Each structure stands twice: as structure tokens, then as C-alpha cells.
Amino acid sequence: MNLKRTQWQQLLAVAGSAICLLQQPAQAADKCEVSVDATDQMTFSVKEIAVPKSCKSFTINLKHAGSMKKTIMGHNLVVSKQADEQGVLQDGSKAGPAQSYVKPQDARVVAATTVIGGGESASTSFAPSQLDAAGNYVFFCSFPGHAALMKGTLKLI
């Protein structure tokens, strides 16, 4: 290829512009849902959930990736303020399996799924406007004894 100096300069300028565009972060729309797997080993697949404040509604999709029945190794996902976690767990334990270990109409609970067993899925949605940007939020499994291992943080971004 036999190019003149000005043609090379133009080609380099175009190539440089293309490289700059590739290096810029993608400006994708805010993702208003997240998928979380729970296992028979009492783990969640994520340790942090980021909730964009621009979302009108945010959905958490929980899938039990294990095979054990919900009466033996059931999991749910509950969102609350970090300061409310222990109270939500205590009252949830009293509510029992019929209520998916969540006290009915508990104002401390931002969102909660039902308890699911191996191969099952459940979802819960909430309005990010319910969250205080300065607040500390957590998600956890309220099945008795699981929250010690199955928990993470939830942040409004």
C-alpha cells in the first residue's frame, strides 16, 4: 500500500479516534434486576447487590441451584436495614415455614422472596425510592441458621 503522508495522518487520526471510543466505558442503561443463586452448601452466588436509584422498580430473582427439598435446605432472600437484621430473623423464626420465615407485614423488611427448594425459583421487587442513600442494607436467608453464612450487602447507587 503506497499512501501519501496526508493519507497516513488521516488514517492514524481515524485509528486513534476508534481506540479512544473503545477505551470509554459503555454507557448502558441501568440494570434494574439481579439474579442470585442459592446452593445446598448455604451460599449465595453474590455478596453485594447494587441498586440503581434511577430504577422505578428493582427485581431480585432467586434460584435454588441445589437439589435438596425446601423443608431440609430451603432458602429465601430478605432485604432489610443492617440494624434490623437480627430482629427480622428472630421474628421470622417465630413466623415459621408457613410464612417463609418472615413476619407478615414486617415494616423492617424491604423485600422478601418465599422459601424455595432445589431447582425452584422466586422473585421479589421493590421501589429503590424506599431506600435511604445513607442507609446500610443487607440481604440474607432467613431460614433458621442460614443467615450466618448466607448474607451480603445491598447498596443504592
C-alpha atoms as a PDB file:
ATOM      1  CA  MET A   1       0.000   0.000   0.000  1.00  0.00           C
ATOM      2  CA  ASN A   2       1.546   3.252  -1.135  1.00  0.00           C
ATOM      3  CA  LEU A   3      -0.040   6.131   0.835  1.00  0.00           C
ATOM      4  CA  LYS A   4       0.930   9.774   0.886  1.00  0.00           C
ATOM      5  CA  ARG A   5       1.879  11.462   4.140  1.00  0.00           C
ATOM      6  CA  THR A   6      -1.521  13.196   4.496  1.00  0.00           C
ATOM      7  CA  GLN A   7      -3.336   9.905   3.904  1.00  0.00           C
ATOM      8  CA  TRP A   8      -1.270   8.238   6.648  1.00  0.00           C
ATOM      9  CA  GLN A   9      -2.040  11.116   9.005  1.00  0.00           C
ATOM     10  CA  GLN A  10      -5.760  10.782   8.294  1.00  0.00           C
ATOM     11  CA  LEU A  11      -5.620   7.016   8.771  1.00  0.00           C
ATOM     12  CA  LEU A  12      -3.798   7.409  12.103  1.00  0.00           C
ATOM     13  CA  ALA A  13      -6.310  10.021  13.263  1.00  0.00           C
ATOM     14  CA  VAL A  14      -9.238   7.696  12.486  1.00  0.00           C
ATOM     15  CA  ALA A  15      -7.487   4.772  14.204  1.00  0.00           C
ATOM     16  CA  GLY A  16      -6.732   6.920  17.245  1.00  0.00           C
ATOM     17  CA  SER A  17     -10.379   8.011  17.491  1.00  0.00           C
ATOM     18  CA  ALA A  18     -11.525   4.392  17.282  1.00  0.00           C
ATOM     19  CA  ILE A  19      -9.151   3.371  20.083  1.00  0.00           C
ATOM     20  CA  CYS A  20     -10.415   6.215  22.289  1.00  0.00           C
ATOM     21  CA  LEU A  21     -14.013   5.107  21.728  1.00  0.00           C
ATOM     22  CA  LEU A  22     -13.151   1.522  22.640  1.00  0.00           C
ATOM     23  CA  GLN A  23     -11.486   2.631  25.865  1.00  0.00           C
ATOM     24  CA  GLN A  24     -14.511   4.582  27.103  1.00  0.00           C
ATOM     25  CA  PRO A  25     -16.823   2.753  29.495  1.00  0.00           C
ATOM     26  CA  ALA A  26     -20.089   1.599  27.976  1.00  0.00           C
ATOM     27  CA  GLN A  27     -23.000   3.862  28.743  1.00  0.00           C
ATOM     28  CA  ALA A  28     -25.537   1.079  29.188  1.00  0.00           C
ATOM     29  CA  ALA A  29     -28.931   1.597  30.729  1.00  0.00           C
ATOM     30  CA  ASP A  30     -29.171   0.886  34.446  1.00  0.00           C
ATOM     31  CA  LYS A  31     -29.872  -2.751  35.151  1.00  0.00           C
ATOM     32  CA  CYS A  32     -32.987  -2.970  37.297  1.00  0.00           C
ATOM     33  CA  GLU A  33     -32.746  -6.638  38.221  1.00  0.00           C
ATOM     34  CA  VAL A  34     -30.246  -9.154  39.516  1.00  0.00           C
ATOM     35  CA  SER A  35     -30.123 -12.943  39.624  1.00  0.00           C
ATOM     36  CA  VAL A  36     -28.850 -14.703  42.733  1.00  0.00           C
ATOM     37  CA  ASP A  37     -28.221 -18.430  43.091  1.00  0.00           C
ATOM     38  CA  ALA A  38     -28.503 -20.221  46.445  1.00  0.00           C
ATOM     39  CA  THR A  39     -26.863 -23.605  46.998  1.00  0.00           C
ATOM     40  CA  ASP A  40     -27.153 -26.705  49.166  1.00  0.00           C
ATOM     41  CA  GLN A  41     -23.866 -25.550  50.757  1.00  0.00           C
ATOM     42  CA  MET A  42     -25.646 -22.470  52.204  1.00  0.00           C
ATOM     43  CA  THR A  43     -24.087 -19.867  49.922  1.00  0.00           C
ATOM     44  CA  PHE A  44     -25.357 -17.066  47.717  1.00  0.00           C
ATOM     45  CA  SER A  45     -23.640 -16.506  44.359  1.00  0.00           C
ATOM     46  CA  VAL A  46     -23.231 -12.781  45.084  1.00  0.00           C
ATOM     47  CA  LYS A  47     -22.009 -10.869  48.133  1.00  0.00           C
ATOM     48  CA  GLU A  48     -23.177  -7.410  47.026  1.00  0.00           C
ATOM     49  CA  ILE A  49     -26.207  -6.123  45.155  1.00  0.00           C
ATOM     50  CA  ALA A  50     -26.082  -2.653  43.605  1.00  0.00           C
ATOM     51  CA  VAL A  51     -29.464  -0.993  43.126  1.00  0.00           C
ATOM     52  CA  PRO A  52     -29.540   1.978  40.716  1.00  0.00           C
ATOM     53  CA  LYS A  53     -31.621   4.818  42.178  1.00  0.00           C
ATOM     54  CA  SER A  54     -32.826   5.593  38.645  1.00  0.00           C
ATOM     55  CA  CYS A  55     -34.884   2.364  38.564  1.00  0.00           C
ATOM     56  CA  LYS A  56     -38.603   2.682  39.250  1.00  0.00           C
ATOM     57  CA  SER A  57     -38.644  -0.951  40.405  1.00  0.00           C
ATOM     58  CA  PHE A  58     -35.801  -3.352  41.202  1.00  0.00           C
ATOM     59  CA  THR A  59     -36.223  -7.127  40.999  1.00  0.00           C
ATOM     60  CA  ILE A  60     -34.189  -9.843  42.693  1.00  0.00           C
ATOM     61  CA  ASN A  61     -34.513 -13.278  41.072  1.00  0.00           C
ATOM     62  CA  LEU A  62     -33.528 -16.100  43.417  1.00  0.00           C
ATOM     63  CA  LYS A  63     -32.775 -19.584  42.095  1.00  0.00           C
ATOM     64  CA  HIS A  64     -32.026 -22.584  44.297  1.00  0.00           C
ATOM     65  CA  ALA A  65     -29.195 -24.207  42.353  1.00  0.00           C
ATOM     66  CA  GLY A  66     -29.108 -27.202  44.705  1.00  0.00           C
ATOM     67  CA  SER A  67     -31.259 -30.303  44.824  1.00  0.00           C
ATOM     68  CA  MET A  68     -32.432 -30.530  48.445  1.00  0.00           C
ATOM     69  CA  LYS A  69     -36.077 -30.017  49.416  1.00  0.00           C
ATOM     70  CA  LYS A  70     -37.164 -26.723  50.951  1.00  0.00           C
ATOM     71  CA  THR A  71     -38.061 -28.443  54.236  1.00  0.00           C
ATOM     72  CA  ILE A  72     -34.420 -29.528  54.611  1.00  0.00           C
ATOM     73  CA  MET A  73     -32.338 -26.873  52.807  1.00  0.00           C
ATOM     74  CA  GLY A  74     -34.815 -24.176  51.853  1.00  0.00           C
ATOM     75  CA  HIS A  75     -33.649 -20.666  51.025  1.00  0.00           C
ATOM     76  CA  ASN A  76     -35.208 -17.268  50.670  1.00  0.00           C
ATOM     77  CA  LEU A  77     -33.775 -13.791  50.254  1.00  0.00           C
ATOM     78  CA  VAL A  78     -34.767 -10.974  52.595  1.00  0.00           C
ATOM     79  CA  VAL A  79     -33.687  -7.319  52.357  1.00  0.00           C
ATOM     80  CA  SER A  80     -33.629  -5.039  55.404  1.00  0.00           C
ATOM     81  CA  LYS A  81     -31.555  -2.352  57.048  1.00  0.00           C
ATOM     82  CA  GLN A  82     -28.465  -3.849  58.630  1.00  0.00           C
ATOM     83  CA  ALA A  83     -29.605  -2.605  62.048  1.00  0.00           C
ATOM     84  CA  ASP A  84     -32.905  -4.523  61.657  1.00  0.00           C
ATOM     85  CA  GLU A  85     -31.416  -7.852  60.556  1.00  0.00           C
ATOM     86  CA  GLN A  86     -31.400  -9.609  63.941  1.00  0.00           C
ATOM     87  CA  GLY A  87     -34.948  -8.534  64.788  1.00  0.00           C
ATOM     88  CA  VAL A  88     -36.216  -9.627  61.363  1.00  0.00           C
ATOM     89  CA  LEU A  89     -34.509 -13.005  61.831  1.00  0.00           C
ATOM     90  CA  GLN A  90     -35.925 -13.519  65.332  1.00  0.00           C
ATOM     91  CA  ASP A  91     -39.465 -12.598  64.328  1.00  0.00           C
ATOM     92  CA  GLY A  92     -39.130 -14.615  61.113  1.00  0.00           C
ATOM     93  CA  SER A  93     -38.145 -17.710  63.059  1.00  0.00           C
ATOM     94  CA  LYS A  94     -41.310 -17.318  65.168  1.00  0.00           C
ATOM     95  CA  ALA A  95     -43.403 -16.856  61.991  1.00  0.00           C
ATOM     96  CA  GLY A  96     -42.219 -20.272  60.807  1.00  0.00           C
ATOM     97  CA  PRO A  97     -42.152 -22.071  57.476  1.00  0.00           C
ATOM     98  CA  ALA A  98     -45.765 -21.270  56.571  1.00  0.00           C
ATOM     99  CA  GLN A  99     -44.745 -17.596  56.375  1.00  0.00           C
ATOM    100  CA  SER A 100     -41.378 -18.335  54.698  1.00  0.00           C
ATOM    101  CA  TYR A 101     -39.665 -17.278  57.941  1.00  0.00           C
ATOM    102  CA  VAL A 102     -40.729 -13.646  57.510  1.00  0.00           C
ATOM    103  CA  LYS A 103     -43.142 -11.979  59.915  1.00  0.00           C
ATOM    104  CA  PRO A 104     -46.220 -10.878  57.921  1.00  0.00           C
ATOM    105  CA  GLN A 105     -46.360  -7.138  57.189  1.00  0.00           C
ATOM    106  CA  ASP A 106     -42.995  -6.562  58.907  1.00  0.00           C
ATOM    107  CA  ALA A 107     -42.246  -2.886  58.186  1.00  0.00           C
ATOM    108  CA  ARG A 108     -38.498  -3.574  58.620  1.00  0.00           C
ATOM    109  CA  VAL A 109     -38.496  -5.863  55.568  1.00  0.00           C
ATOM    110  CA  VAL A 110     -37.846  -4.002  52.312  1.00  0.00           C
ATOM    111  CA  ALA A 111     -38.413  -7.120  50.193  1.00  0.00           C
ATOM    112  CA  ALA A 112     -38.510 -10.903  50.589  1.00  0.00           C
ATOM    113  CA  THR A 113     -38.969 -13.996  48.475  1.00  0.00           C
ATOM    114  CA  THR A 114     -40.748 -17.138  49.545  1.00  0.00           C
ATOM    115  CA  VAL A 115     -38.685 -20.122  50.694  1.00  0.00           C
ATOM    116  CA  ILE A 116     -37.721 -22.353  47.766  1.00  0.00           C
ATOM    117  CA  GLY A 117     -36.146 -25.790  47.416  1.00  0.00           C
ATOM    118  CA  GLY A 118     -33.727 -27.319  44.925  1.00  0.00           C
ATOM    119  CA  GLY A 119     -34.455 -26.349  41.319  1.00  0.00           C
ATOM    120  CA  GLU A 120     -37.085 -23.769  42.267  1.00  0.00           C
ATOM    121  CA  SER A 121     -37.077 -20.008  41.714  1.00  0.00           C
ATOM    122  CA  ALA A 122     -38.726 -16.983  43.313  1.00  0.00           C
ATOM    123  CA  SER A 123     -38.604 -13.237  42.747  1.00  0.00           C
ATOM    124  CA  THR A 124     -39.253 -10.101  44.723  1.00  0.00           C
ATOM    125  CA  SER A 125     -39.437  -6.476  43.599  1.00  0.00           C
ATOM    126  CA  PHE A 126     -39.279  -3.163  45.418  1.00  0.00           C
ATOM    127  CA  ALA A 127     -39.004   0.525  44.647  1.00  0.00           C
ATOM    128  CA  PRO A 128     -35.449   1.842  45.138  1.00  0.00           C
ATOM    129  CA  SER A 129     -37.077   5.070  46.371  1.00  0.00           C
ATOM    130  CA  GLN A 130     -37.803   3.113  49.589  1.00  0.00           C
ATOM    131  CA  LEU A 131     -34.072   3.034  50.328  1.00  0.00           C
ATOM    132  CA  ASP A 132     -32.170   5.790  52.087  1.00  0.00           C
ATOM    133  CA  ALA A 133     -28.945   6.593  50.211  1.00  0.00           C
ATOM    134  CA  ALA A 134     -27.115   6.955  53.538  1.00  0.00           C
ATOM    135  CA  GLY A 135     -28.554   3.692  54.922  1.00  0.00           C
ATOM    136  CA  ASN A 136     -26.768   0.375  55.342  1.00  0.00           C
ATOM    137  CA  TYR A 137     -28.775  -2.502  53.859  1.00  0.00           C
ATOM    138  CA  VAL A 138     -28.240  -6.247  53.841  1.00  0.00           C
ATOM    139  CA  PHE A 139     -29.774  -9.284  52.206  1.00  0.00           C
ATOM    140  CA  PHE A 140     -29.861 -12.672  53.875  1.00  0.00           C
ATOM    141  CA  CYS A 141     -31.600 -16.043  54.039  1.00  0.00           C
ATOM    142  CA  SER A 142     -33.975 -16.163  56.997  1.00  0.00           C
ATOM    143  CA  PHE A 143     -34.302 -19.969  57.044  1.00  0.00           C
ATOM    144  CA  PRO A 144     -33.211 -20.772  60.632  1.00  0.00           C
ATOM    145  CA  GLY A 145     -29.429 -20.841  60.970  1.00  0.00           C
ATOM    146  CA  HIS A 146     -28.662 -19.833  57.379  1.00  0.00           C
ATOM    147  CA  ALA A 147     -28.039 -16.087  57.784  1.00  0.00           C
ATOM    148  CA  ALA A 148     -24.671 -16.697  59.435  1.00  0.00           C
ATOM    149  CA  LEU A 149     -23.337 -17.820  56.034  1.00  0.00           C
ATOM    150  CA  MET A 150     -25.919 -16.514  53.582  1.00  0.00           C
ATOM    151  CA  LYS A 151     -25.739 -12.748  53.613  1.00  0.00           C
ATOM    152  CA  GLY A 152     -24.447  -9.789  51.695  1.00  0.00           C
ATOM    153  CA  THR A 153     -24.744  -6.029  51.340  1.00  0.00           C
ATOM    154  CA  LEU A 154     -27.198  -4.072  49.245  1.00  0.00           C
ATOM    155  CA  LYS A 155     -26.250  -0.573  48.097  1.00  0.00           C
ATOM    156  CA  LEU A 156     -28.196   2.214  46.443  1.00  0.00           C
ATOM    157  CA  ILE A 157     -26.074   3.666  43.652  1.00  0.00           C
END
